[in-house]
């Protein structure tokens, strides 16, 4: 039984580069598209600016452009697997700010366990977890970082 388990998990470990690629692609495309929409669509930019204002972020007009540009740039870098720790780090900071300013206000629950459950259910928490994994583990071999020997 142990031999079967070891064989199965050994085969799964061979898929690690594909898991890193999938995580980078999904997160990178999500952020890049989000940034693109905020930069090119006035309605999306206005929505972002309002969110920043309501969260009490200083200079929401400037910050809105900055955050959108960072989402586009660093999301694109994640897709390519280039400068992955830097890109994942910047995007993690964006997630942290969103979690502590906007999303954090949406956490509900009558008990600490219910509030924790509500917090862990937020997409920013999952994104932070995956971005942290990319920072620590690297982009995988199926990346420009890997091809250039940077990871």
Foldseek 3Di string as FASTA:
>chain_A
DVVVVVVVVVVVVVCVLVVLLVLLLVQLVVLQVLLVCLVPPVVSVVVQLVLCVQLVHPPSNVVSNVSSVLSNVLSVQSNQLHPLLVSLVVVLVVLVSCCVRPVVVVQDDPDPVSSVVSSCVDVSNVSNVSSVCCNVVPSHCNHVCNVVVND
